[in-house]
Amino acid sequence: FEDVDLLSDGSLMKTIKVPWDSVLLGEILPFKLFKSSPIEDSIKLDSSLPNGWVYVIDGGGMVQGKDLLVKVIYELPTNIKQEDRETIARAIRNAKSS
């Protein structure tokens, strides 16, 4: 099942790793349940939601009436320059105090 798990109630759980900047920008994330599937779905990323948040797509499970759960894991960059880290940290602190 690639990166998809069948849950005991017939729902499906798919885990997707997304770049942190895509989350911050609130992009729409298209995805396929299975890599070889012609059917595509999408979710709108929301930066106010925590890492590991599970989006629910009603009726997307293997069993009729069950859901598709999409767990979004943020991929944080590891090669950011210190100057850029400080800029990002200041921007986050400024947003918190606003």
Foldseek 3Di string as FASTA:
>chain_A
DVQWDQDPVQEIEHEDEDEPVQLVVQHKAKDDPDPPDPDIDIDGHHNVDDAQDWDWDAQPGRDGRHIYIYTYHYDYDDPDDPVVVVVVVVVVVVVVVD
